[in-house]
Amino acid sequence: MCLIATLLVTSCASIFSGSKANVTVRNDNVTTAVTLSYDGKVENNVFLPHKIKIKRGFQPTTITAKANGYEEGSVSVKKGFNGTTLWNILWGAIPGIAIDAATGAMMKPTQNEIVIPMKPTDSLKPVWKEPAAPKEPVVEERVTRDNAGKTSLERTIIRWYFDSAPQGARIFWRVISSVPDEVKNTNELWLGSTPFEETRSFNIQGLTYENSRDVQIEIKVKRKGYIDQSKRFNVRQAIDQQEISSFFDMIAE
């Protein structure tokens, strides 16, 4: 029993990282449903960007994507050393290193986000077209909260990371807009619990780069026995930095 317990405790990467890792597959030019194949698994009718779990291990994982109107695309995800395994080395835990090696947990993808190439099939059929006559400049239609879905910025994907002391605080977020005709305010939505880390989109309808400076995201953390805390983040700054992150030092009531 002691031997089993030692093996379990000392296999750090296997316990904390697991045998699979999250990666996000994306191609901003593909708007139709996609079939993804990887590690012997098939996912049908998914829309990119889409998060999947691939095996860690020593061998690269090949991700294949198929969709109507597009060539089949594939990409090989390389694996690198998982730093969590270093704890086994520091602790002198040879059995733990062996377990991490056997489960593949000592390796992890070198990228968290994978762009998979997929060309429209029409591009394989060159068609000569009569040169179009010059046109008058087209004024782009104004984006409002009732006329959303016009910009890719609404689905901008960034890193979200929040932690607290003590951990286990519940996280809520909401949109605070000073241009409600374009971007509406929202009620609080549950995000997760600390520690929280995820690569996800804003999904804020009507958001453009021009009005993003007038929009804020409020993050609130709650934990029983502690005073609620909240912080606000400017969306323009979050877009430029590609992340929203903060640490909350909880104060007991």
C-alpha atoms as a PDB file:
ATOM      1  CA  MET A   1       0.000   0.000   0.000  1.00  0.00           C
ATOM      2  CA  CYS A   2       2.836   2.399   0.842  1.00  0.00           C
ATOM      3  CA  LEU A   3       4.424   1.743  -2.546  1.00  0.00           C
ATOM      4  CA  ILE A   4       1.156   2.500  -4.384  1.00  0.00           C
ATOM      5  CA  ALA A   5       0.660   5.689  -2.397  1.00  0.00           C
ATOM      6  CA  THR A   6       4.196   6.795  -3.176  1.00  0.00           C
ATOM      7  CA  LEU A   7       3.706   6.200  -6.887  1.00  0.00           C
ATOM      8  CA  LEU A   8       0.474   8.167  -6.923  1.00  0.00           C
ATOM      9  CA  VAL A   9       1.863  11.105  -5.006  1.00  0.00           C
ATOM     10  CA  THR A  10       5.068  11.363  -6.977  1.00  0.00           C
ATOM     11  CA  SER A  11       3.581  11.199 -10.471  1.00  0.00           C
ATOM     12  CA  CYS A  12       3.011  14.969 -10.565  1.00  0.00           C
ATOM     13  CA  ALA A  13       2.352  15.521 -14.262  1.00  0.00           C
ATOM     14  CA  SER A  14      -0.067  12.579 -14.448  1.00  0.00           C
ATOM     15  CA  ILE A  15      -2.092  13.904 -11.518  1.00  0.00           C
ATOM     16  CA  PHE A  16      -2.092  17.626 -12.269  1.00  0.00           C
ATOM     17  CA  SER A  17      -1.934  17.653 -16.070  1.00  0.00           C
ATOM     18  CA  GLY A  18      -3.733  14.427 -16.982  1.00  0.00           C
ATOM     19  CA  SER A  19      -3.157  12.387 -20.117  1.00  0.00           C
ATOM     20  CA  LYS A  20      -4.892  14.914 -22.422  1.00  0.00           C
ATOM     21  CA  ALA A  21      -4.485  18.621 -23.121  1.00  0.00           C
ATOM     22  CA  ASN A  22      -6.856  21.324 -24.366  1.00  0.00           C
ATOM     23  CA  VAL A  23      -6.188  23.006 -27.709  1.00  0.00           C
ATOM     24  CA  THR A  24      -8.408  25.318 -29.750  1.00  0.00           C
ATOM     25  CA  VAL A  25      -8.814  24.600 -33.473  1.00  0.00           C
ATOM     26  CA  ARG A  26      -9.683  27.619 -35.622  1.00  0.00           C
ATOM     27  CA  ASN A  27      -9.971  28.942 -39.147  1.00  0.00           C
ATOM     28  CA  ASP A  28     -11.724  32.314 -39.307  1.00  0.00           C
ATOM     29  CA  ASN A  29     -12.558  31.858 -43.016  1.00  0.00           C
ATOM     30  CA  VAL A  30     -14.628  28.675 -42.505  1.00  0.00           C
ATOM     31  CA  THR A  31     -18.203  29.463 -41.456  1.00  0.00           C
ATOM     32  CA  THR A  32     -19.901  26.106 -42.117  1.00  0.00           C
ATOM     33  CA  ALA A  33     -20.119  22.998 -39.913  1.00  0.00           C
ATOM     34  CA  VAL A  34     -16.885  21.003 -39.767  1.00  0.00           C
ATOM     35  CA  THR A  35     -16.011  17.364 -39.028  1.00  0.00           C
ATOM     36  CA  LEU A  36     -12.858  17.045 -36.924  1.00  0.00           C
ATOM     37  CA  SER A  37     -10.805  13.830 -36.648  1.00  0.00           C
ATOM     38  CA  TYR A  38      -7.939  13.353 -34.181  1.00  0.00           C
ATOM     39  CA  ASP A  39      -6.443  10.623 -31.994  1.00  0.00           C
ATOM     40  CA  GLY A  40      -8.980   8.101 -33.352  1.00  0.00           C
ATOM     41  CA  LYS A  41     -11.923  10.342 -32.398  1.00  0.00           C
ATOM     42  CA  VAL A  42     -14.427  12.044 -34.724  1.00  0.00           C
ATOM     43  CA  GLU A  43     -16.538  15.127 -33.899  1.00  0.00           C
ATOM     44  CA  ASN A  44     -19.293  16.014 -36.370  1.00  0.00           C
ATOM     45  CA  ASN A  45     -21.079  19.307 -37.028  1.00  0.00           C
ATOM     46  CA  VAL A  46     -18.843  21.603 -34.967  1.00  0.00           C
ATOM     47  CA  PHE A  47     -18.129  25.250 -35.704  1.00  0.00           C
ATOM     48  CA  LEU A  48     -14.675  26.818 -35.534  1.00  0.00           C
ATOM     49  CA  PRO A  49     -13.128  27.947 -33.286  1.00  0.00           C
ATOM     50  CA  HIS A  50     -13.650  24.717 -31.319  1.00  0.00           C
ATOM     51  CA  LYS A  51     -11.843  23.370 -28.254  1.00  0.00           C
ATOM     52  CA  ILE A  52     -10.743  19.711 -28.237  1.00  0.00           C
ATOM     53  CA  LYS A  53      -8.722  17.458 -25.954  1.00  0.00           C
ATOM     54  CA  ILE A  54      -5.783  15.672 -27.552  1.00  0.00           C
ATOM     55  CA  LYS A  55      -3.446  13.047 -26.174  1.00  0.00           C
ATOM     56  CA  ARG A  56      -0.228  14.299 -24.637  1.00  0.00           C
ATOM     57  CA  GLY A  57       2.279  11.469 -25.297  1.00  0.00           C
ATOM     58  CA  PHE A  58       5.470  11.613 -27.340  1.00  0.00           C
ATOM     59  CA  GLN A  59       3.905  11.320 -30.804  1.00  0.00           C
ATOM     60  CA  PRO A  60       2.458  14.342 -32.633  1.00  0.00           C
ATOM     61  CA  THR A  61      -1.320  14.429 -33.051  1.00  0.00           C
ATOM     62  CA  THR A  62      -2.741  14.923 -36.551  1.00  0.00           C
ATOM     63  CA  ILE A  63      -5.977  16.925 -36.679  1.00  0.00           C
ATOM     64  CA  THR A  64      -8.044  16.618 -39.875  1.00  0.00           C
ATOM     65  CA  ALA A  65     -10.973  18.878 -40.806  1.00  0.00           C
ATOM     66  CA  LYS A  66     -13.638  18.369 -43.495  1.00  0.00           C
ATOM     67  CA  ALA A  67     -16.436  20.722 -44.523  1.00  0.00           C
ATOM     68  CA  ASN A  68     -18.723  21.164 -47.525  1.00  0.00           C
ATOM     69  CA  GLY A  69     -17.241  23.620 -50.001  1.00  0.00           C
ATOM     70  CA  TYR A  70     -13.700  23.331 -48.643  1.00  0.00           C
ATOM     71  CA  GLU A  71     -10.666  21.167 -49.261  1.00  0.00           C
ATOM     72  CA  GLU A  72      -9.813  18.727 -46.505  1.00  0.00           C
ATOM     73  CA  GLY A  73      -7.274  20.289 -44.155  1.00  0.00           C
ATOM     74  CA  SER A  74      -4.892  18.720 -41.677  1.00  0.00           C
ATOM     75  CA  VAL A  75      -2.229  19.872 -39.260  1.00  0.00           C
ATOM     76  CA  SER A  76       0.253  18.059 -37.035  1.00  0.00           C
ATOM     77  CA  VAL A  77       0.383  19.199 -33.405  1.00  0.00           C
ATOM     78  CA  LYS A  78       3.866  18.823 -31.955  1.00  0.00           C
ATOM     79  CA  LYS A  79       4.423  17.981 -28.275  1.00  0.00           C
ATOM     80  CA  GLY A  80       7.000  19.490 -25.917  1.00  0.00           C
ATOM     81  CA  PHE A  81       8.218  18.838 -22.403  1.00  0.00           C
ATOM     82  CA  ASN A  82       5.666  19.404 -19.600  1.00  0.00           C
ATOM     83  CA  GLY A  83       7.335  21.442 -16.851  1.00  0.00           C
ATOM     84  CA  THR A  84       5.164  19.796 -14.172  1.00  0.00           C
ATOM     85  CA  THR A  85       7.367  16.713 -14.469  1.00  0.00           C
ATOM     86  CA  LEU A  86      10.240  18.739 -13.004  1.00  0.00           C
ATOM     87  CA  TRP A  87       8.645  18.327  -9.573  1.00  0.00           C
ATOM     88  CA  ASN A  88       9.341  14.606  -9.806  1.00  0.00           C
ATOM     89  CA  ILE A  89      12.973  15.363 -10.520  1.00  0.00           C
ATOM     90  CA  LEU A  90      13.211  17.853  -7.658  1.00  0.00           C
ATOM     91  CA  TRP A  91      11.638  15.336  -5.298  1.00  0.00           C
ATOM     92  CA  GLY A  92      13.874  12.547  -6.591  1.00  0.00           C
ATOM     93  CA  ALA A  93      10.756  10.616  -7.547  1.00  0.00           C
ATOM     94  CA  ILE A  94      11.963   8.141 -10.166  1.00  0.00           C
ATOM     95  CA  PRO A  95       8.692   6.097 -10.021  1.00  0.00           C
ATOM     96  CA  GLY A  96       6.741   9.304 -10.675  1.00  0.00           C
ATOM     97  CA  ILE A  97       8.874  10.084 -13.709  1.00  0.00           C
ATOM     98  CA  ALA A  98       8.257   6.572 -15.003  1.00  0.00           C
ATOM     99  CA  ILE A  99       4.500   6.985 -14.586  1.00  0.00           C
ATOM    100  CA  ASP A 100       4.552  10.381 -16.336  1.00  0.00           C
ATOM    101  CA  ALA A 101       6.505   8.836 -19.198  1.00  0.00           C
ATOM    102  CA  ALA A 102       4.168   5.842 -19.456  1.00  0.00           C
ATOM    103  CA  THR A 103       1.016   7.993 -19.472  1.00  0.00           C
ATOM    104  CA  GLY A 104       2.536  10.630 -21.745  1.00  0.00           C
ATOM    105  CA  ALA A 105       1.799  13.320 -19.149  1.00  0.00           C
ATOM    106  CA  MET A 106       5.398  14.570 -19.289  1.00  0.00           C
ATOM    107  CA  MET A 107       4.629  16.007 -22.749  1.00  0.00           C
ATOM    108  CA  LYS A 108       2.199  18.732 -23.806  1.00  0.00           C
ATOM    109  CA  PRO A 109       1.266  20.541 -27.052  1.00  0.00           C
ATOM    110  CA  THR A 110       3.662  23.340 -27.972  1.00  0.00           C
ATOM    111  CA  GLN A 111       0.653  25.477 -29.009  1.00  0.00           C
ATOM    112  CA  ASN A 112      -2.685  26.126 -27.297  1.00  0.00           C
ATOM    113  CA  GLU A 113      -4.298  27.381 -30.517  1.00  0.00           C
ATOM    114  CA  ILE A 114      -4.063  25.589 -33.863  1.00  0.00           C
ATOM    115  CA  VAL A 115      -4.978  27.178 -37.214  1.00  0.00           C
ATOM    116  CA  ILE A 116      -6.007  24.435 -39.640  1.00  0.00           C
ATOM    117  CA  PRO A 117      -5.653  25.290 -43.377  1.00  0.00           C
ATOM    118  CA  MET A 118      -8.822  24.804 -45.450  1.00  0.00           C
ATOM    119  CA  LYS A 119      -9.169  26.300 -48.952  1.00  0.00           C
ATOM    120  CA  PRO A 120     -12.521  26.782 -50.705  1.00  0.00           C
ATOM    121  CA  THR A 121     -12.934  24.174 -53.430  1.00  0.00           C
ATOM    122  CA  ASP A 122     -13.950  26.893 -55.908  1.00  0.00           C
ATOM    123  CA  SER A 123     -10.357  28.153 -55.784  1.00  0.00           C
ATOM    124  CA  LEU A 124      -9.379  25.026 -57.752  1.00  0.00           C
ATOM    125  CA  LYS A 125     -11.494  26.122 -60.713  1.00  0.00           C
ATOM    126  CA  PRO A 126     -10.081  29.342 -62.192  1.00  0.00           C
ATOM    127  CA  VAL A 127     -12.806  31.330 -63.925  1.00  0.00           C
ATOM    128  CA  TRP A 128     -12.082  34.349 -66.079  1.00  0.00           C
ATOM    129  CA  LYS A 129     -14.224  37.323 -65.226  1.00  0.00           C
ATOM    130  CA  GLU A 130     -14.780  40.583 -67.028  1.00  0.00           C
ATOM    131  CA  PRO A 131     -13.030  43.369 -65.108  1.00  0.00           C
ATOM    132  CA  ALA A 132     -15.593  45.196 -63.043  1.00  0.00           C
ATOM    133  CA  ALA A 133     -16.190  48.877 -63.611  1.00  0.00           C
ATOM    134  CA  PRO A 134     -15.037  51.212 -60.810  1.00  0.00           C
ATOM    135  CA  LYS A 135     -17.651  51.608 -58.129  1.00  0.00           C
ATOM    136  CA  GLU A 136     -18.476  54.408 -55.822  1.00  0.00           C
ATOM    137  CA  PRO A 137     -17.096  53.950 -52.293  1.00  0.00           C
ATOM    138  CA  VAL A 138     -19.482  51.900 -50.160  1.00  0.00           C
ATOM    139  CA  VAL A 139     -20.299  53.250 -46.719  1.00  0.00           C
ATOM    140  CA  GLU A 140     -20.120  50.378 -44.240  1.00  0.00           C
ATOM    141  CA  GLU A 141     -23.369  49.712 -42.425  1.00  0.00           C
ATOM    142  CA  ARG A 142     -23.247  50.864 -38.813  1.00  0.00           C
ATOM    143  CA  VAL A 143     -23.151  48.103 -36.239  1.00  0.00           C
ATOM    144  CA  THR A 144     -25.686  48.323 -33.433  1.00  0.00           C
ATOM    145  CA  ARG A 145     -26.894  45.873 -30.816  1.00  0.00           C
ATOM    146  CA  ASP A 146     -29.959  45.199 -33.018  1.00  0.00           C
ATOM    147  CA  ASN A 147     -27.838  44.911 -36.148  1.00  0.00           C
ATOM    148  CA  ALA A 148     -24.952  42.792 -34.838  1.00  0.00           C
ATOM    149  CA  GLY A 149     -22.966  40.001 -36.414  1.00  0.00           C
ATOM    150  CA  LYS A 150     -21.151  42.328 -38.801  1.00  0.00           C
ATOM    151  CA  THR A 151     -17.659  42.164 -37.334  1.00  0.00           C
ATOM    152  CA  SER A 152     -15.234  39.382 -36.434  1.00  0.00           C
ATOM    153  CA  LEU A 153     -14.309  41.351 -33.306  1.00  0.00           C
ATOM    154  CA  GLU A 154     -17.528  40.154 -31.679  1.00  0.00           C
ATOM    155  CA  ARG A 155     -15.954  36.663 -31.539  1.00  0.00           C
ATOM    156  CA  THR A 156     -12.421  37.759 -30.590  1.00  0.00           C
ATOM    157  CA  ILE A 157     -10.712  34.996 -28.601  1.00  0.00           C
ATOM    158  CA  ILE A 158      -8.451  36.004 -25.696  1.00  0.00           C
ATOM    159  CA  ARG A 159      -6.995  34.393 -22.564  1.00  0.00           C
ATOM    160  CA  TRP A 160      -9.051  34.703 -19.361  1.00  0.00           C
ATOM    161  CA  TYR A 161      -7.184  34.034 -16.104  1.00  0.00           C
ATOM    162  CA  PHE A 162      -8.314  34.723 -12.527  1.00  0.00           C
ATOM    163  CA  ASP A 163      -7.129  33.463  -9.150  1.00  0.00           C
ATOM    164  CA  SER A 164      -7.776  34.319  -5.507  1.00  0.00           C
ATOM    165  CA  ALA A 165      -6.541  33.679  -1.998  1.00  0.00           C
ATOM    166  CA  PRO A 166      -8.167  31.609  -0.710  1.00  0.00           C
ATOM    167  CA  GLN A 167      -9.119  29.787  -3.894  1.00  0.00           C
ATOM    168  CA  GLY A 168     -12.589  28.445  -4.659  1.00  0.00           C
ATOM    169  CA  ALA A 169     -14.244  31.851  -5.125  1.00  0.00           C
ATOM    170  CA  ARG A 170     -17.055  31.959  -7.696  1.00  0.00           C
ATOM    171  CA  ILE A 171     -16.453  34.273 -10.675  1.00  0.00           C
ATOM    172  CA  PHE A 172     -19.145  36.329 -12.421  1.00  0.00           C
ATOM    173  CA  TRP A 173     -18.817  38.710 -15.365  1.00  0.00           C
ATOM    174  CA  ARG A 174     -20.954  41.300 -17.140  1.00  0.00           C
ATOM    175  CA  VAL A 175     -20.663  43.906 -19.880  1.00  0.00           C
ATOM    176  CA  ILE A 176     -20.814  47.603 -18.938  1.00  0.00           C
ATOM    177  CA  SER A 177     -21.263  49.831 -21.989  1.00  0.00           C
ATOM    178  CA  SER A 178     -21.302  53.620 -22.333  1.00  0.00           C
ATOM    179  CA  VAL A 179     -22.668  53.185 -25.889  1.00  0.00           C
ATOM    180  CA  PRO A 180     -25.811  51.096 -25.206  1.00  0.00           C
ATOM    181  CA  ASP A 181     -27.201  51.836 -28.692  1.00  0.00           C
ATOM    182  CA  GLU A 182     -24.320  49.805 -30.142  1.00  0.00           C
ATOM    183  CA  VAL A 183     -23.305  47.453 -27.312  1.00  0.00           C
ATOM    184  CA  LYS A 184     -25.865  46.647 -24.661  1.00  0.00           C
ATOM    185  CA  ASN A 185     -25.236  46.158 -20.953  1.00  0.00           C
ATOM    186  CA  THR A 186     -25.702  42.607 -19.639  1.00  0.00           C
ATOM    187  CA  ASN A 187     -26.585  40.937 -16.383  1.00  0.00           C
ATOM    188  CA  GLU A 188     -24.018  38.994 -14.379  1.00  0.00           C
ATOM    189  CA  LEU A 189     -23.121  35.598 -15.820  1.00  0.00           C
ATOM    190  CA  TRP A 190     -21.311  32.824 -13.975  1.00  0.00           C
ATOM    191  CA  LEU A 191     -17.846  32.210 -15.426  1.00  0.00           C
ATOM    192  CA  GLY A 192     -16.316  29.573 -13.128  1.00  0.00           C
ATOM    193  CA  SER A 193     -14.335  29.294  -9.894  1.00  0.00           C
ATOM    194  CA  THR A 194     -10.804  30.306  -8.987  1.00  0.00           C
ATOM    195  CA  PRO A 195      -8.282  29.359 -10.174  1.00  0.00           C
ATOM    196  CA  PHE A 196      -9.769  29.878 -13.658  1.00  0.00           C
ATOM    197  CA  GLU A 197      -7.920  29.844 -16.979  1.00  0.00           C
ATOM    198  CA  GLU A 198      -9.527  29.499 -20.380  1.00  0.00           C
ATOM    199  CA  THR A 199      -9.154  30.721 -23.951  1.00  0.00           C
ATOM    200  CA  ARG A 200     -12.588  31.956 -24.968  1.00  0.00           C
ATOM    201  CA  SER A 201     -14.349  34.629 -27.025  1.00  0.00           C
ATOM    202  CA  PHE A 202     -16.064  37.812 -25.878  1.00  0.00           C
ATOM    203  CA  ASN A 203     -19.227  37.086 -27.861  1.00  0.00           C
ATOM    204  CA  ILE A 204     -20.266  40.733 -27.328  1.00  0.00           C
ATOM    205  CA  GLN A 205     -22.778  41.665 -30.028  1.00  0.00           C
ATOM    206  CA  GLY A 206     -22.212  44.986 -31.787  1.00  0.00           C
ATOM    207  CA  LEU A 207     -18.592  45.249 -30.637  1.00  0.00           C
ATOM    208  CA  THR A 208     -16.159  47.028 -32.980  1.00  0.00           C
ATOM    209  CA  TYR A 209     -12.585  48.152 -32.478  1.00  0.00           C
ATOM    210  CA  GLU A 210     -13.792  51.755 -32.572  1.00  0.00           C
ATOM    211  CA  ASN A 211     -16.389  51.383 -29.786  1.00  0.00           C
ATOM    212  CA  SER A 212     -14.388  48.863 -27.718  1.00  0.00           C
ATOM    213  CA  ARG A 213     -12.786  51.687 -25.725  1.00  0.00           C
ATOM    214  CA  ASP A 214     -16.291  52.584 -24.480  1.00  0.00           C
ATOM    215  CA  VAL A 215     -17.008  49.042 -23.248  1.00  0.00           C
ATOM    216  CA  GLN A 216     -15.845  47.434 -20.011  1.00  0.00           C
ATOM    217  CA  ILE A 217     -16.020  43.932 -18.601  1.00  0.00           C
ATOM    218  CA  GLU A 218     -16.674  43.716 -14.874  1.00  0.00           C
ATOM    219  CA  ILE A 219     -15.342  40.661 -13.038  1.00  0.00           C
ATOM    220  CA  LYS A 220     -16.798  39.912  -9.597  1.00  0.00           C
ATOM    221  CA  VAL A 221     -15.650  37.172  -7.196  1.00  0.00           C
ATOM    222  CA  LYS A 222     -17.748  35.817  -4.339  1.00  0.00           C
ATOM    223  CA  ARG A 223     -16.929  33.376  -1.540  1.00  0.00           C
ATOM    224  CA  LYS A 224     -18.906  32.573   1.588  1.00  0.00           C
ATOM    225  CA  GLY A 225     -17.421  34.295   4.605  1.00  0.00           C
ATOM    226  CA  TYR A 226     -15.580  36.894   2.498  1.00  0.00           C
ATOM    227  CA  ILE A 227     -16.431  40.332   1.122  1.00  0.00           C
ATOM    228  CA  ASP A 228     -17.398  40.386  -2.571  1.00  0.00           C
ATOM    229  CA  GLN A 229     -14.802  42.016  -4.818  1.00  0.00           C
ATOM    230  CA  SER A 230     -15.056  43.357  -8.347  1.00  0.00           C
ATOM    231  CA  LYS A 231     -12.713  44.808 -10.960  1.00  0.00           C
ATOM    232  CA  ARG A 232     -13.340  46.360 -14.372  1.00  0.00           C
ATOM    233  CA  PHE A 233     -11.299  45.888 -17.537  1.00  0.00           C
ATOM    234  CA  ASN A 234     -11.391  48.045 -20.673  1.00  0.00           C
ATOM    235  CA  VAL A 235     -12.230  45.873 -23.688  1.00  0.00           C
ATOM    236  CA  ARG A 236      -9.920  47.810 -26.062  1.00  0.00           C
ATOM    237  CA  GLN A 237      -6.985  47.172 -23.727  1.00  0.00           C
ATOM    238  CA  ALA A 238      -7.959  43.504 -23.348  1.00  0.00           C
ATOM    239  CA  ILE A 239      -8.022  43.118 -27.155  1.00  0.00           C
ATOM    240  CA  ASP A 240      -4.582  44.719 -27.533  1.00  0.00           C
ATOM    241  CA  GLN A 241      -3.105  42.565 -24.740  1.00  0.00           C
ATOM    242  CA  GLN A 242      -5.005  39.422 -25.816  1.00  0.00           C
ATOM    243  CA  GLU A 243      -5.970  38.652 -22.214  1.00  0.00           C
ATOM    244  CA  ILE A 244      -7.952  39.589 -19.120  1.00  0.00           C
ATOM    245  CA  SER A 245      -6.291  38.497 -15.897  1.00  0.00           C
ATOM    246  CA  SER A 246      -6.180  39.445 -12.221  1.00  0.00           C
ATOM    247  CA  PHE A 247      -5.642  38.178  -8.683  1.00  0.00           C
ATOM    248  CA  PHE A 248      -8.116  38.776  -5.844  1.00  0.00           C
ATOM    249  CA  ASP A 249      -6.912  38.846  -2.223  1.00  0.00           C
ATOM    250  CA  MET A 250     -10.155  37.942  -0.414  1.00  0.00           C
ATOM    251  CA  ILE A 251     -10.980  39.822   2.807  1.00  0.00           C
ATOM    252  CA  ALA A 252     -12.882  37.950   5.518  1.00  0.00           C
ATOM    253  CA  GLU A 253     -16.160  39.494   6.657  1.00  0.00           C
END
